[in-house]
Amino acid sequence: MDLIPFIRFTLNSRFIGRWIIGGIIFFIPFVDFFSIGFISRASRTMMTGGMGLPTWDRKTELWLEGLKQIFVFILYEAVPFFLFSFGFFLSALHRFTAFFGTIITYLGFLALLIFSFFIPFAFAVFAQDMDLRKALEFEKIYNAIKEVFFQYIVGYFAILILIGLFYLTILKIPYFIGFFLFSILTYYVLLIGVYYYAQLFVKTSLSSVRINDNT
């Protein structure tokens, strides 16, 4: 899977402004639904073999699509969020319960890593079918991941490592410059990730698109 043509394409002056806009508003509450909706539209385009980025028209539809994708994310992360909340509660309650709170918080990080692992294909399922129920069909998504497991896990950790590096370096630049650069670069990495997973997704039994992969 060659990402270089896609990177060159998205850095073209015709398209670069589209994802920079998404990156600027990516961490602004409620406004970020536009950014997520844009990525979801892009994913749908990529699944059908297109490399172009969508426009920002039909903004209401874009915002609602992003809201639904966020809802999918929240449902997948419900368990780790609960563990974090319960762990923090026990840690603040008493010194005796703080020990158990710390353990539960660590379990929350583990759960976050595990449940987040399924989100790329859950995201792709919703982008394809626009159906929340299908995005929550855990067993089908798990079976699709197994069909391309090695490539899937490589992409997952590559994205985590890149965003982690941005967090440790770029975010430390002062005067909000670091924050905006971090937001834009994180968004672009996610966009590349969406392209990567769209290409994987169409190789699985969950995709309504069928391709021949001779690589």
C-alpha atoms as a PDB file:
ATOM      1  CA  MET A   1       0.000   0.000   0.000  1.00  0.00           C
ATOM      2  CA  ASP A   2       1.696   3.179  -1.233  1.00  0.00           C
ATOM      3  CA  LEU A   3       0.857   6.288   0.793  1.00  0.00           C
ATOM      4  CA  ILE A   4       3.284   8.562  -1.054  1.00  0.00           C
ATOM      5  CA  PRO A   5       0.925   9.416  -3.961  1.00  0.00           C
ATOM      6  CA  PHE A   6      -1.823  10.293  -1.503  1.00  0.00           C
ATOM      7  CA  ILE A   7       0.493  12.535   0.535  1.00  0.00           C
ATOM      8  CA  ARG A   8       1.672  14.313  -2.628  1.00  0.00           C
ATOM      9  CA  PHE A   9      -1.918  14.716  -3.742  1.00  0.00           C
ATOM     10  CA  THR A  10      -3.149  16.203  -0.458  1.00  0.00           C
ATOM     11  CA  LEU A  11      -0.195  18.606  -0.327  1.00  0.00           C
ATOM     12  CA  ASN A  12      -1.256  20.013  -3.698  1.00  0.00           C
ATOM     13  CA  SER A  13      -2.276  23.678  -3.491  1.00  0.00           C
ATOM     14  CA  ARG A  14      -5.778  22.761  -4.661  1.00  0.00           C
ATOM     15  CA  PHE A  15      -6.467  20.526  -1.666  1.00  0.00           C
ATOM     16  CA  ILE A  16      -4.129  21.559   1.129  1.00  0.00           C
ATOM     17  CA  GLY A  17      -6.446  24.307   2.347  1.00  0.00           C
ATOM     18  CA  ARG A  18      -9.313  21.855   2.823  1.00  0.00           C
ATOM     19  CA  TRP A  19      -7.619  19.727   5.452  1.00  0.00           C
ATOM     20  CA  ILE A  20      -5.843  22.679   7.075  1.00  0.00           C
ATOM     21  CA  ILE A  21      -9.272  24.167   7.813  1.00  0.00           C
ATOM     22  CA  GLY A  22     -10.285  20.862   9.387  1.00  0.00           C
ATOM     23  CA  GLY A  23      -7.100  20.808  11.442  1.00  0.00           C
ATOM     24  CA  ILE A  24      -7.556  24.329  12.771  1.00  0.00           C
ATOM     25  CA  ILE A  25     -11.010  23.575  14.188  1.00  0.00           C
ATOM     26  CA  PHE A  26     -10.276  19.965  15.137  1.00  0.00           C
ATOM     27  CA  PHE A  27      -9.994  20.557  18.888  1.00  0.00           C
ATOM     28  CA  ILE A  28     -12.757  23.166  19.197  1.00  0.00           C
ATOM     29  CA  PRO A  29     -15.766  21.578  20.956  1.00  0.00           C
ATOM     30  CA  PHE A  30     -18.857  21.083  18.775  1.00  0.00           C
ATOM     31  CA  VAL A  31     -17.167  22.839  15.843  1.00  0.00           C
ATOM     32  CA  ASP A  32     -14.901  19.794  15.552  1.00  0.00           C
ATOM     33  CA  PHE A  33     -17.894  17.792  14.307  1.00  0.00           C
ATOM     34  CA  PHE A  34     -17.278  19.478  10.934  1.00  0.00           C
ATOM     35  CA  SER A  35     -13.711  18.126  10.934  1.00  0.00           C
ATOM     36  CA  ILE A  36     -14.856  14.590  11.749  1.00  0.00           C
ATOM     37  CA  GLY A  37     -17.621  14.774   9.151  1.00  0.00           C
ATOM     38  CA  PHE A  38     -15.084  15.885   6.538  1.00  0.00           C
ATOM     39  CA  ILE A  39     -12.861  12.890   7.296  1.00  0.00           C
ATOM     40  CA  SER A  40     -15.899  10.596   7.131  1.00  0.00           C
ATOM     41  CA  ARG A  41     -16.797  11.947   3.687  1.00  0.00           C
ATOM     42  CA  ALA A  42     -13.200  11.547   2.578  1.00  0.00           C
ATOM     43  CA  SER A  43     -13.222   7.929   3.768  1.00  0.00           C
ATOM     44  CA  ARG A  44     -16.303   7.201   1.650  1.00  0.00           C
ATOM     45  CA  THR A  45     -14.607   8.702  -1.404  1.00  0.00           C
ATOM     46  CA  MET A  46     -11.431   6.720  -0.810  1.00  0.00           C
ATOM     47  CA  MET A  47     -13.318   3.425  -0.501  1.00  0.00           C
ATOM     48  CA  THR A  48     -14.606   3.787  -4.033  1.00  0.00           C
ATOM     49  CA  GLY A  49     -11.108   4.288  -5.402  1.00  0.00           C
ATOM     50  CA  GLY A  50     -11.077   8.073  -5.380  1.00  0.00           C
ATOM     51  CA  MET A  51      -8.157  10.053  -3.995  1.00  0.00           C
ATOM     52  CA  GLY A  52      -9.793  13.470  -4.000  1.00  0.00           C
ATOM     53  CA  LEU A  53     -10.804  15.287  -0.856  1.00  0.00           C
ATOM     54  CA  PRO A  54     -14.415  16.383  -0.383  1.00  0.00           C
ATOM     55  CA  THR A  55     -15.512  20.007  -0.283  1.00  0.00           C
ATOM     56  CA  TRP A  56     -16.998  21.766   2.716  1.00  0.00           C
ATOM     57  CA  ASP A  57     -20.438  22.176   1.153  1.00  0.00           C
ATOM     58  CA  ARG A  58     -23.694  20.866   2.720  1.00  0.00           C
ATOM     59  CA  LYS A  59     -22.348  21.900   6.092  1.00  0.00           C
ATOM     60  CA  THR A  60     -25.379  20.748   8.076  1.00  0.00           C
ATOM     61  CA  GLU A  61     -24.999  17.212   6.706  1.00  0.00           C
ATOM     62  CA  LEU A  62     -21.269  17.400   7.373  1.00  0.00           C
ATOM     63  CA  TRP A  63     -21.800  18.438  10.998  1.00  0.00           C
ATOM     64  CA  LEU A  64     -24.404  15.726  11.622  1.00  0.00           C
ATOM     65  CA  GLU A  65     -22.192  13.043  10.100  1.00  0.00           C
ATOM     66  CA  GLY A  66     -19.364  14.133  12.358  1.00  0.00           C
ATOM     67  CA  LEU A  67     -21.693  14.057  15.369  1.00  0.00           C
ATOM     68  CA  LYS A  68     -22.698  10.483  14.581  1.00  0.00           C
ATOM     69  CA  GLN A  69     -19.071   9.413  14.189  1.00  0.00           C
ATOM     70  CA  ILE A  70     -18.324  10.963  17.598  1.00  0.00           C
ATOM     71  CA  PHE A  71     -21.244   8.995  18.994  1.00  0.00           C
ATOM     72  CA  VAL A  72     -19.687   5.787  17.642  1.00  0.00           C
ATOM     73  CA  PHE A  73     -16.415   6.769  19.327  1.00  0.00           C
ATOM     74  CA  ILE A  74     -18.141   7.424  22.670  1.00  0.00           C
ATOM     75  CA  LEU A  75     -19.914   4.068  22.612  1.00  0.00           C
ATOM     76  CA  TYR A  76     -16.665   2.215  21.926  1.00  0.00           C
ATOM     77  CA  GLU A  77     -14.860   4.107  24.668  1.00  0.00           C
ATOM     78  CA  ALA A  78     -17.624   3.796  27.295  1.00  0.00           C
ATOM     79  CA  VAL A  79     -15.763   1.088  29.248  1.00  0.00           C
ATOM     80  CA  PRO A  80     -12.389   2.899  29.511  1.00  0.00           C
ATOM     81  CA  PHE A  81     -14.153   6.185  30.335  1.00  0.00           C
ATOM     82  CA  PHE A  82     -16.027   4.452  33.142  1.00  0.00           C
ATOM     83  CA  LEU A  83     -12.806   2.913  34.485  1.00  0.00           C
ATOM     84  CA  PHE A  84     -11.044   6.297  34.413  1.00  0.00           C
ATOM     85  CA  SER A  85     -13.915   7.981  36.241  1.00  0.00           C
ATOM     86  CA  PHE A  86     -14.198   5.255  38.864  1.00  0.00           C
ATOM     87  CA  GLY A  87     -10.431   5.128  39.332  1.00  0.00           C
ATOM     88  CA  PHE A  88     -10.186   8.889  39.858  1.00  0.00           C
ATOM     89  CA  PHE A  89     -13.102   8.749  42.281  1.00  0.00           C
ATOM     90  CA  LEU A  90     -11.440   6.042  44.397  1.00  0.00           C
ATOM     91  CA  SER A  91      -8.118   7.896  44.292  1.00  0.00           C
ATOM     92  CA  ALA A  92      -9.705  11.065  45.634  1.00  0.00           C
ATOM     93  CA  LEU A  93     -11.919   9.324  48.185  1.00  0.00           C
ATOM     94  CA  HIS A  94      -9.362   8.078  50.703  1.00  0.00           C
ATOM     95  CA  ARG A  95      -5.748   6.983  50.950  1.00  0.00           C
ATOM     96  CA  PHE A  96      -6.907   3.389  51.467  1.00  0.00           C
ATOM     97  CA  THR A  97      -9.016   3.361  48.289  1.00  0.00           C
ATOM     98  CA  ALA A  98      -6.390   5.316  46.337  1.00  0.00           C
ATOM     99  CA  PHE A  99      -4.394   2.109  45.792  1.00  0.00           C
ATOM    100  CA  PHE A 100      -7.364   0.442  44.103  1.00  0.00           C
ATOM    101  CA  GLY A 101      -8.093   3.659  42.218  1.00  0.00           C
ATOM    102  CA  THR A 102      -4.606   3.599  40.728  1.00  0.00           C
ATOM    103  CA  ILE A 103      -5.022  -0.010  39.597  1.00  0.00           C
ATOM    104  CA  ILE A 104      -8.393   0.728  38.005  1.00  0.00           C
ATOM    105  CA  THR A 105      -6.954   3.791  36.263  1.00  0.00           C
ATOM    106  CA  TYR A 106      -4.196   1.646  34.731  1.00  0.00           C
ATOM    107  CA  LEU A 107      -6.862  -0.819  33.627  1.00  0.00           C
ATOM    108  CA  GLY A 108      -8.616   2.131  32.038  1.00  0.00           C
ATOM    109  CA  PHE A 109      -5.526   2.882  29.925  1.00  0.00           C
ATOM    110  CA  LEU A 110      -5.363  -0.765  28.884  1.00  0.00           C
ATOM    111  CA  ALA A 111      -9.059  -0.757  27.991  1.00  0.00           C
ATOM    112  CA  LEU A 112      -8.566   2.486  26.028  1.00  0.00           C
ATOM    113  CA  LEU A 113      -5.841   0.843  23.960  1.00  0.00           C
ATOM    114  CA  ILE A 114      -7.964  -2.251  23.304  1.00  0.00           C
ATOM    115  CA  PHE A 115     -11.285  -0.583  22.485  1.00  0.00           C
ATOM    116  CA  SER A 116      -9.647   2.134  20.384  1.00  0.00           C
ATOM    117  CA  PHE A 117      -8.161  -0.638  18.259  1.00  0.00           C
ATOM    118  CA  PHE A 118     -11.577  -1.312  16.696  1.00  0.00           C
ATOM    119  CA  ILE A 119     -12.450   2.302  15.933  1.00  0.00           C
ATOM    120  CA  PRO A 120     -10.767   2.623  12.476  1.00  0.00           C
ATOM    121  CA  PHE A 121     -12.992  -0.067  10.970  1.00  0.00           C
ATOM    122  CA  ALA A 122     -16.045   1.017  12.972  1.00  0.00           C
ATOM    123  CA  PHE A 123     -15.450   4.475  11.502  1.00  0.00           C
ATOM    124  CA  ALA A 124     -15.153   2.961   8.017  1.00  0.00           C
ATOM    125  CA  VAL A 125     -18.342   0.922   8.410  1.00  0.00           C
ATOM    126  CA  PHE A 126     -20.346   4.003   9.313  1.00  0.00           C
ATOM    127  CA  ALA A 127     -18.747   6.069   6.540  1.00  0.00           C
ATOM    128  CA  GLN A 128     -19.759   3.369   4.059  1.00  0.00           C
ATOM    129  CA  ASP A 129     -23.277   2.554   5.237  1.00  0.00           C
ATOM    130  CA  MET A 130     -24.260   5.608   7.334  1.00  0.00           C
ATOM    131  CA  ASP A 131     -25.818   3.155   9.781  1.00  0.00           C
ATOM    132  CA  LEU A 132     -24.966   3.368  13.483  1.00  0.00           C
ATOM    133  CA  ARG A 133     -26.105  -0.181  14.153  1.00  0.00           C
ATOM    134  CA  LYS A 134     -23.658  -1.639  11.642  1.00  0.00           C
ATOM    135  CA  ALA A 135     -20.831   0.399  13.152  1.00  0.00           C
ATOM    136  CA  LEU A 136     -21.549  -1.331  16.461  1.00  0.00           C
ATOM    137  CA  GLU A 137     -21.580  -4.894  15.115  1.00  0.00           C
ATOM    138  CA  PHE A 138     -18.474  -5.785  17.079  1.00  0.00           C
ATOM    139  CA  GLU A 139     -18.137  -9.410  15.949  1.00  0.00           C
ATOM    140  CA  LYS A 140     -18.301  -8.565  12.230  1.00  0.00           C
ATOM    141  CA  ILE A 141     -15.769  -5.770  12.637  1.00  0.00           C
ATOM    142  CA  TYR A 142     -13.468  -8.080  14.616  1.00  0.00           C
ATOM    143  CA  ASN A 143     -13.655 -10.726  11.870  1.00  0.00           C
ATOM    144  CA  ALA A 144     -12.863  -8.104   9.214  1.00  0.00           C
ATOM    145  CA  ILE A 145      -9.831  -6.942  11.190  1.00  0.00           C
ATOM    146  CA  LYS A 146      -8.553 -10.519  11.332  1.00  0.00           C
ATOM    147  CA  GLU A 147      -8.604 -10.632   7.526  1.00  0.00           C
ATOM    148  CA  VAL A 148      -5.974  -7.853   7.355  1.00  0.00           C
ATOM    149  CA  PHE A 149      -4.619  -8.081  10.891  1.00  0.00           C
ATOM    150  CA  PHE A 150      -0.907  -7.436  10.338  1.00  0.00           C
ATOM    151  CA  GLN A 151      -1.422  -4.333   8.200  1.00  0.00           C
ATOM    152  CA  TYR A 152      -4.143  -3.145  10.548  1.00  0.00           C
ATOM    153  CA  ILE A 153      -2.000  -3.315  13.676  1.00  0.00           C
ATOM    154  CA  VAL A 154       1.001  -1.702  11.945  1.00  0.00           C
ATOM    155  CA  GLY A 155      -1.151   1.271  10.943  1.00  0.00           C
ATOM    156  CA  TYR A 156      -2.684   1.520  14.401  1.00  0.00           C
ATOM    157  CA  PHE A 157       0.612   1.794  16.253  1.00  0.00           C
ATOM    158  CA  ALA A 158       2.174   4.023  13.591  1.00  0.00           C
ATOM    159  CA  ILE A 159      -0.618   6.561  14.093  1.00  0.00           C
ATOM    160  CA  LEU A 160      -0.311   6.365  17.890  1.00  0.00           C
ATOM    161  CA  ILE A 161       3.459   6.867  17.751  1.00  0.00           C
ATOM    162  CA  LEU A 162       3.247   9.864  15.395  1.00  0.00           C
ATOM    163  CA  ILE A 163       0.583  11.628  17.445  1.00  0.00           C
ATOM    164  CA  GLY A 164       2.541  10.829  20.612  1.00  0.00           C
ATOM    165  CA  LEU A 165       5.664  12.442  19.112  1.00  0.00           C
ATOM    166  CA  PHE A 166       3.671  15.540  18.160  1.00  0.00           C
ATOM    167  CA  TYR A 167       2.329  15.713  21.716  1.00  0.00           C
ATOM    168  CA  LEU A 168       5.805  15.496  23.248  1.00  0.00           C
ATOM    169  CA  THR A 169       7.424  18.025  20.903  1.00  0.00           C
ATOM    170  CA  ILE A 170       5.200  20.364  18.894  1.00  0.00           C
ATOM    171  CA  LEU A 171       2.610  20.939  21.617  1.00  0.00           C
ATOM    172  CA  LYS A 172       5.334  22.482  23.806  1.00  0.00           C
ATOM    173  CA  ILE A 173       5.845  25.417  21.413  1.00  0.00           C
ATOM    174  CA  PRO A 174       4.476  28.481  23.282  1.00  0.00           C
ATOM    175  CA  TYR A 175       1.894  31.179  22.478  1.00  0.00           C
ATOM    176  CA  PHE A 176      -0.732  28.816  21.051  1.00  0.00           C
ATOM    177  CA  ILE A 177       1.482  28.231  18.027  1.00  0.00           C
ATOM    178  CA  GLY A 178       2.252  24.734  19.264  1.00  0.00           C
ATOM    179  CA  PHE A 179      -1.416  24.001  19.881  1.00  0.00           C
ATOM    180  CA  PHE A 180      -2.487  24.977  16.367  1.00  0.00           C
ATOM    181  CA  LEU A 181       0.413  23.120  14.755  1.00  0.00           C
ATOM    182  CA  PHE A 182      -0.381  20.075  16.882  1.00  0.00           C
ATOM    183  CA  SER A 183      -4.046  20.229  15.885  1.00  0.00           C
ATOM    184  CA  ILE A 184      -3.297  20.584  12.155  1.00  0.00           C
ATOM    185  CA  LEU A 185      -0.620  17.863  12.059  1.00  0.00           C
ATOM    186  CA  THR A 186      -2.699  15.462  14.174  1.00  0.00           C
ATOM    187  CA  TYR A 187      -5.639  15.983  11.830  1.00  0.00           C
ATOM    188  CA  TYR A 188      -3.449  15.346   8.794  1.00  0.00           C
ATOM    189  CA  VAL A 189      -2.077  12.128  10.305  1.00  0.00           C
ATOM    190  CA  LEU A 190      -5.652  11.012  10.956  1.00  0.00           C
ATOM    191  CA  LEU A 191      -6.534  11.832   7.353  1.00  0.00           C
ATOM    192  CA  ILE A 192      -3.636   9.702   6.130  1.00  0.00           C
ATOM    193  CA  GLY A 193      -4.785   6.992   8.545  1.00  0.00           C
ATOM    194  CA  VAL A 194      -8.297   7.137   7.121  1.00  0.00           C
ATOM    195  CA  TYR A 195      -6.882   6.660   3.623  1.00  0.00           C
ATOM    196  CA  TYR A 196      -4.757   3.748   4.839  1.00  0.00           C
ATOM    197  CA  TYR A 197      -7.684   2.036   6.548  1.00  0.00           C
ATOM    198  CA  ALA A 198     -10.055   2.729   3.660  1.00  0.00           C
ATOM    199  CA  GLN A 199      -7.682   0.766   1.418  1.00  0.00           C
ATOM    200  CA  LEU A 200      -7.601  -2.055   3.977  1.00  0.00           C
ATOM    201  CA  PHE A 201     -11.347  -1.999   4.513  1.00  0.00           C
ATOM    202  CA  VAL A 202     -12.210  -2.595   0.859  1.00  0.00           C
ATOM    203  CA  LYS A 203     -10.191  -5.825   1.011  1.00  0.00           C
ATOM    204  CA  THR A 204     -12.453  -7.281   3.709  1.00  0.00           C
ATOM    205  CA  SER A 205     -15.807  -9.027   3.693  1.00  0.00           C
ATOM    206  CA  LEU A 206     -17.453  -5.973   5.296  1.00  0.00           C
ATOM    207  CA  SER A 207     -16.859  -3.787   2.283  1.00  0.00           C
ATOM    208  CA  SER A 208     -19.471  -3.345  -0.424  1.00  0.00           C
ATOM    209  CA  VAL A 209     -16.573  -2.629  -2.800  1.00  0.00           C
ATOM    210  CA  ARG A 210     -14.492  -5.486  -4.112  1.00  0.00           C
ATOM    211  CA  ILE A 211     -10.960  -5.068  -5.409  1.00  0.00           C
ATOM    212  CA  ASN A 212      -8.234  -7.356  -6.633  1.00  0.00           C
ATOM    213  CA  ASP A 213      -5.083  -7.088  -4.542  1.00  0.00           C
ATOM    214  CA  ASN A 214      -2.055  -8.589  -6.215  1.00  0.00           C
ATOM    215  CA  THR A 215       0.486  -7.042  -3.868  1.00  0.00           C
END
